[in-house]
Each structure stands twice: as C-alpha cells, then as structure tokens.
Amino acid sequence: MRFTILGKYGPFPAAGGACSGYLLEQNDTKVLIDCGSGVLSRLQQICDIRELKAIVLSHLHSDHMADMLILRYALEIWKARGLYSGDPLPVYLPEYPEEIHRQISSAPVFQPIFVKDGFKADIGGVSFIFREMTHPVQSFAMTIESGGQKLVYTGDTNMNPHLEAFARGADMMVADTGLLERDKTEKSPHLSAAEVGRIAAGAEVRKLILSHIWPGYAEEELLQEAAASYDNPIIAEEMKTYII
C-alpha cells in the first residue's frame, strides 16, 4: 500500500500547508481519507478526482471535511457538462453531527455509507475496520489492511481505552498528535505527543507518524516528547508517500 500525506495540520493549516487528508493507493484502488482545507488541490497533483474509488471521513469537523463541499461542485459541474459519467462516489462517514452529514449526503454525486463502531468495509481489495474514539463529535479510528500489511489511522481522539489494542502490531500508525503534554488538560479533545508515543510503544507498531499538528508547535518538541516512549517517531511530511 502507498500512503501519501496531503495535509497534516489541524485545526487550521500552516502557511502553505493543508489540513488533514491522505491518499491510500493499492494497485488501481485509490481512496481519499479525510478531506480538510487545502486537500483537494493537493490531491489533484497526484491523481484525477474521478479516479477515486471512495472517500472515507474519520469525522465531520471542518479541518477533516471542508473540501468535500468543493469536491461536490467539481463532480456536479463535470456531470452537467458530460465530463463525468460515473456512479455516485461512495463516501464512508459518521452519521453525526446530522446537520453536517446532510451537506454531504444530500449531494446526488455522493453515495453516503454511514459507519459505526465495528463497521467493516472492503474497498477494491482493501479492508477497513472502524472503532469509535473519544472526541467532541462522533469520530472513528480505522485499520486498513491489504496483502498482510496493516495501517492504523487514529482520526481525532483523546485517550481511549480501545486504541492501543486496536493498533496492536500495525506496520504503520498515523496518529492525532494535536498537543504537547504541557498544553494537555482533562477536557482536551486530542492526544499529546507523549501519549501517542506510549500508545505506539504498547501496541508495538513498526512505524509511528505524528500528524494533525498544531501550526504553532516546533516539530522537534513533538518528536522529542513522543520519543521518550517510542524509538524514532516521524513527523508527517506533506506530499510525501510512505510505503506500507
């Protein structure tokens, strides 16, 4: 599997960056995972939007789905001009918040498929399993497997009792690293770099990538904090492709 970081920031992008978005490729299967601000432009540097087999949204906060509303324009206009004749694009997404999912699911160019805890989906030979996490809105981590390789993407979450077991043995884990430990509070909606390091070590993942980065942080601080528990964590690099 090939996994390209289209955007790594949250809840807003750094100058020249993009919010959360990732392209998964396995043979001719292309799946967009999250679609935050700036992701659609980045995606088109790699592939035509019409090559996507599906889109998977971990949750419906704007930094993970804002460009879905612009992608909708692209597909609708292409369809009206005879430039797109494909079936509605499958979009796997949470059911809540309802007022947000309606903006996506009401578009005839999308085929909404609502996920829940334990939901499984096969997309072009790639298997997804979803686990609900701890966040102010319904949010899902996911395992992605193909050819014996396993990727875990945490989506956005605070500490969750199921995350370590869910990630166990993953070849690569891409983790919400929205905070440094000094900024963590009881009500924080994200993991700190220290927590991510401990989870990855406990789950014995082979490679840890820190993503969903607050634009004001020095990345070296995040790496140092995660490295207290996990050897050689990596900061996500936008437009870089990782082979799993």
Protein backbone atom coordinates (compact mmCIF):
# COMPACT_ATOMS: atom_id res chain seq x y z
CA MET A 1 0.00 0.00 0.00
CA ARG A 2 1.05 3.58 -0.69
CA PHE A 3 0.02 6.31 1.75
CA THR A 4 0.53 9.96 0.80
CA ILE A 5 0.20 12.82 3.29
CA LEU A 6 -1.82 15.52 1.53
CA GLY A 7 -2.27 17.65 4.65
CA LYS A 8 -1.03 17.29 8.23
CA TYR A 9 -2.34 20.30 10.16
CA GLY A 10 -5.28 20.92 12.47
CA PRO A 11 -7.46 22.69 13.31
CA PHE A 12 -6.20 25.09 10.62
CA PRO A 13 -3.29 24.89 8.15
CA ALA A 14 0.11 26.48 8.49
CA ALA A 15 1.03 28.92 5.71
CA GLY A 16 1.41 26.87 2.54
CA GLY A 17 0.06 23.75 4.25
CA ALA A 18 -3.22 21.86 4.36
CA CYS A 19 -5.46 20.28 6.97
CA SER A 20 -5.92 16.53 7.38
CA GLY A 21 -6.07 14.47 4.22
CA TYR A 22 -4.41 11.27 2.99
CA LEU A 23 -4.41 9.29 -0.24
CA LEU A 24 -4.28 5.49 0.04
CA GLU A 25 -3.32 3.55 -3.09
CA GLN A 26 -3.26 -0.21 -3.60
CA ASN A 27 -2.85 -1.31 -7.23
CA ASP A 28 -5.60 0.61 -9.09
CA THR A 29 -7.60 1.37 -5.92
CA LYS A 30 -7.38 4.98 -4.74
CA VAL A 31 -9.14 6.03 -1.53
CA LEU A 32 -9.13 9.54 -0.08
CA ILE A 33 -9.09 9.52 3.72
CA ASP A 34 -10.30 12.83 5.17
CA CYS A 35 -10.62 15.97 3.07
CA GLY A 36 -9.77 19.07 5.07
CA SER A 37 -8.98 22.55 3.82
CA GLY A 38 -6.38 22.50 1.03
CA VAL A 39 -6.56 18.75 0.42
CA LEU A 40 -8.44 18.86 -2.89
CA SER A 41 -5.75 20.94 -4.58
CA ARG A 42 -3.03 18.63 -3.27
CA LEU A 43 -4.92 15.51 -4.39
CA GLN A 44 -5.07 16.71 -7.99
CA GLN A 45 -1.27 16.94 -8.10
CA ILE A 46 -1.26 13.14 -7.78
CA CYS A 47 -4.41 11.87 -9.46
CA ASP A 48 -7.64 12.90 -11.13
CA ILE A 49 -10.52 13.16 -8.66
CA ARG A 50 -12.51 10.84 -10.91
CA GLU A 51 -10.02 8.02 -10.24
CA LEU A 52 -11.12 7.73 -6.62
CA LYS A 53 -12.91 4.52 -5.63
CA ALA A 54 -14.21 6.00 -2.38
CA ILE A 55 -13.75 8.65 0.29
CA VAL A 56 -13.54 7.84 3.99
CA LEU A 57 -14.13 10.57 6.59
CA SER A 58 -12.99 9.92 10.15
CA HIS A 59 -15.30 12.63 11.48
CA LEU A 60 -17.12 15.76 10.39
CA HIS A 61 -15.10 18.63 11.83
CA SER A 62 -14.23 21.14 9.13
CA ASP A 63 -10.48 20.52 9.23
CA HIS A 64 -11.25 16.97 8.09
CA MET A 65 -14.09 17.52 5.61
CA ALA A 66 -14.28 21.17 4.43
CA ASP A 67 -13.04 20.42 0.90
CA MET A 68 -15.81 17.85 0.44
CA LEU A 69 -18.15 20.76 -0.28
CA ILE A 70 -15.84 21.98 -3.06
CA LEU A 71 -15.29 18.47 -4.41
CA ARG A 72 -19.07 18.28 -4.69
CA TYR A 73 -19.01 21.30 -7.02
CA ALA A 74 -16.38 19.64 -9.22
CA LEU A 75 -18.35 16.42 -9.67
CA GLU A 76 -21.68 18.20 -10.19
CA ILE A 77 -20.26 20.55 -12.83
CA TRP A 78 -18.40 17.77 -14.64
CA LYS A 79 -21.58 15.70 -14.66
CA ALA A 80 -23.64 18.60 -16.05
CA ARG A 81 -21.06 19.16 -18.81
CA GLY A 82 -20.79 15.48 -19.72
CA LEU A 83 -17.28 15.17 -18.32
CA TYR A 84 -18.19 12.67 -15.60
CA SER A 85 -20.49 9.72 -16.17
CA GLY A 86 -19.58 7.59 -13.18
CA ASP A 87 -21.85 6.33 -10.45
CA PRO A 88 -22.18 8.36 -7.24
CA LEU A 89 -18.89 8.25 -5.33
CA PRO A 90 -19.12 6.15 -2.14
CA VAL A 91 -18.45 8.26 0.96
CA TYR A 92 -18.00 6.44 4.28
CA LEU A 93 -18.80 8.87 7.09
CA PRO A 94 -20.25 9.20 10.59
CA GLU A 95 -23.96 9.82 10.99
CA TYR A 96 -23.45 12.68 13.44
CA PRO A 97 -23.47 15.68 13.61
CA GLU A 98 -26.55 15.27 11.44
CA GLU A 99 -26.62 18.84 10.11
CA ILE A 100 -23.07 18.41 8.76
CA HIS A 101 -23.52 14.98 7.19
CA ARG A 102 -26.59 16.29 5.34
CA GLN A 103 -24.39 18.73 3.42
CA ILE A 104 -22.54 15.72 2.02
CA SER A 105 -25.17 13.01 1.88
CA SER A 106 -27.73 15.22 0.15
CA ALA A 107 -25.48 15.57 -2.92
CA PRO A 108 -26.55 13.15 -5.69
CA VAL A 109 -22.89 12.77 -6.77
CA PHE A 110 -22.14 11.07 -3.42
CA GLN A 111 -23.34 7.71 -2.12
CA PRO A 112 -23.32 8.05 1.69
CA ILE A 113 -22.47 4.96 3.74
CA PHE A 114 -22.73 5.53 7.48
CA VAL A 115 -20.13 3.87 9.69
CA LYS A 116 -20.46 2.79 13.31
CA ASP A 117 -18.27 1.10 15.90
CA GLY A 118 -17.03 -2.21 14.49
CA PHE A 119 -18.18 -1.44 10.93
CA LYS A 120 -16.22 -3.25 8.21
CA ALA A 121 -15.84 -2.32 4.56
CA ASP A 122 -13.92 -3.74 1.61
CA ILE A 123 -12.91 -1.17 -0.99
CA GLY A 124 -11.14 -2.62 -4.02
CA GLY A 125 -9.38 -5.33 -2.06
CA VAL A 126 -8.51 -3.05 0.86
CA SER A 127 -10.24 -3.86 4.16
CA PHE A 128 -11.30 -1.17 6.63
CA ILE A 129 -12.45 -1.66 10.22
CA PHE A 130 -13.74 1.31 12.24
CA ARG A 131 -13.51 1.90 16.00
CA GLU A 132 -15.27 4.84 17.66
CA MET A 133 -12.92 7.14 19.54
CA THR A 134 -13.23 9.91 22.17
CA HIS A 135 -13.87 13.35 20.65
CA PRO A 136 -16.49 16.12 20.91
CA VAL A 137 -18.23 14.69 17.81
CA GLN A 138 -18.58 11.10 16.58
CA SER A 139 -15.07 10.18 15.40
CA PHE A 140 -13.52 6.94 14.19
CA ALA A 141 -10.09 5.38 14.10
CA MET A 142 -9.61 2.83 11.36
CA THR A 143 -7.42 -0.11 10.50
CA ILE A 144 -6.63 -0.51 6.82
CA GLU A 145 -5.30 -3.87 5.63
CA SER A 146 -4.20 -5.36 2.34
CA GLY A 147 -1.68 -8.04 1.41
CA GLY A 148 -0.90 -8.80 5.04
CA GLN A 149 0.05 -5.18 5.81
CA LYS A 150 -1.78 -3.11 8.42
CA LEU A 151 -2.11 0.66 8.71
CA VAL A 152 -3.86 2.37 11.62
CA TYR A 153 -5.15 5.93 11.41
CA THR A 154 -6.44 7.30 14.71
CA GLY A 155 -8.53 10.16 13.35
CA ASP A 156 -9.01 12.73 16.12
CA THR A 157 -9.26 11.44 19.66
CA ASN A 158 -8.42 11.98 23.29
CA MET A 159 -7.20 8.96 25.29
CA ASN A 160 -9.39 5.98 24.51
CA PRO A 161 -9.21 2.57 26.23
CA HIS A 162 -9.55 0.67 22.95
CA LEU A 163 -6.92 2.46 20.88
CA GLU A 164 -3.81 0.52 21.91
CA ALA A 165 -5.40 -2.88 21.28
CA PHE A 166 -6.90 -1.62 18.02
CA ALA A 167 -3.46 -0.54 16.80
CA ARG A 168 -1.58 -3.62 18.02
CA GLY A 169 1.01 -4.93 15.59
CA ALA A 170 0.37 -2.30 12.92
CA ASP A 171 3.05 -1.79 10.30
CA MET A 172 2.35 1.93 10.45
CA MET A 173 0.30 4.16 12.75
CA VAL A 174 -0.67 7.71 11.75
CA ALA A 175 -1.69 9.44 14.95
CA ASP A 176 -3.52 12.56 16.06
CA THR A 177 -0.73 14.50 17.76
CA GLY A 178 -2.57 17.72 18.38
CA LEU A 179 -0.90 18.69 21.66
CA LEU A 180 2.27 18.85 23.65
CA GLU A 181 1.90 17.46 27.15
CA ARG A 182 2.26 20.94 28.71
CA ASP A 183 -0.96 22.03 26.94
CA LYS A 184 -2.97 18.91 27.75
CA THR A 185 -5.99 19.34 30.02
CA GLU A 186 -8.71 16.97 31.22
CA LYS A 187 -11.06 18.28 28.51
CA SER A 188 -8.56 18.32 25.64
CA PRO A 189 -10.02 16.67 22.52
CA HIS A 190 -6.66 15.45 21.21
CA LEU A 191 -3.74 13.23 22.17
CA SER A 192 -0.43 14.68 23.25
CA ALA A 193 2.82 13.57 21.63
CA ALA A 194 3.75 11.84 24.90
CA GLU A 195 0.50 9.84 24.88
CA VAL A 196 0.95 8.90 21.23
CA GLY A 197 4.45 7.61 21.97
CA ARG A 198 3.20 5.46 24.84
CA ILE A 199 0.30 4.05 22.80
CA ALA A 200 2.55 3.20 19.85
CA ALA A 201 5.11 1.51 22.11
CA GLY A 202 2.44 -0.50 23.92
CA ALA A 203 0.87 -1.56 20.62
CA GLU A 204 4.30 -2.47 19.20
CA VAL A 205 3.68 -0.64 15.93
CA ARG A 206 6.59 -0.73 13.50
CA LYS A 207 6.45 2.90 12.35
CA LEU A 208 4.82 5.91 14.03
CA ILE A 209 3.91 9.06 12.10
CA LEU A 210 2.81 12.14 14.03
CA SER A 211 0.14 14.13 12.22
CA HIS A 212 -2.69 16.64 12.87
CA ILE A 213 -0.06 19.13 14.04
CA TRP A 214 -0.88 22.47 15.67
CA PRO A 215 0.78 25.02 13.31
CA GLY A 216 2.40 26.91 16.19
CA TYR A 217 4.41 23.99 17.55
CA ALA A 218 8.08 23.33 16.93
CA GLU A 219 8.05 19.87 15.37
CA GLU A 220 11.25 18.91 17.18
CA GLU A 221 9.43 19.27 20.51
CA LEU A 222 6.73 16.87 19.36
CA LEU A 223 9.33 14.36 18.22
CA GLN A 224 11.26 14.57 21.48
CA GLU A 225 8.11 14.06 23.54
CA ALA A 226 6.95 11.02 21.57
CA ALA A 227 10.50 9.60 21.54
CA ALA A 228 10.51 9.35 25.34
CA SER A 229 8.48 6.14 24.88
CA TYR A 230 8.82 5.21 21.20
CA ASP A 231 12.06 4.97 19.21
CA ASN A 232 12.36 7.10 16.07
CA PRO A 233 8.90 8.62 15.60
CA ILE A 234 8.40 10.56 12.36
CA ILE A 235 6.66 13.88 11.75
CA ALA A 236 4.27 13.64 8.79
CA GLU A 237 5.71 15.33 5.69
CA GLU A 238 3.18 16.81 3.30
CA MET A 239 3.21 15.34 -0.22
CA LYS A 240 5.48 12.50 0.86
CA THR A 241 4.45 8.92 0.10
CA TYR A 242 5.10 6.15 2.61
CA ILE A 243 5.15 2.52 1.52
CA ILE A 244 3.44 0.06 3.88
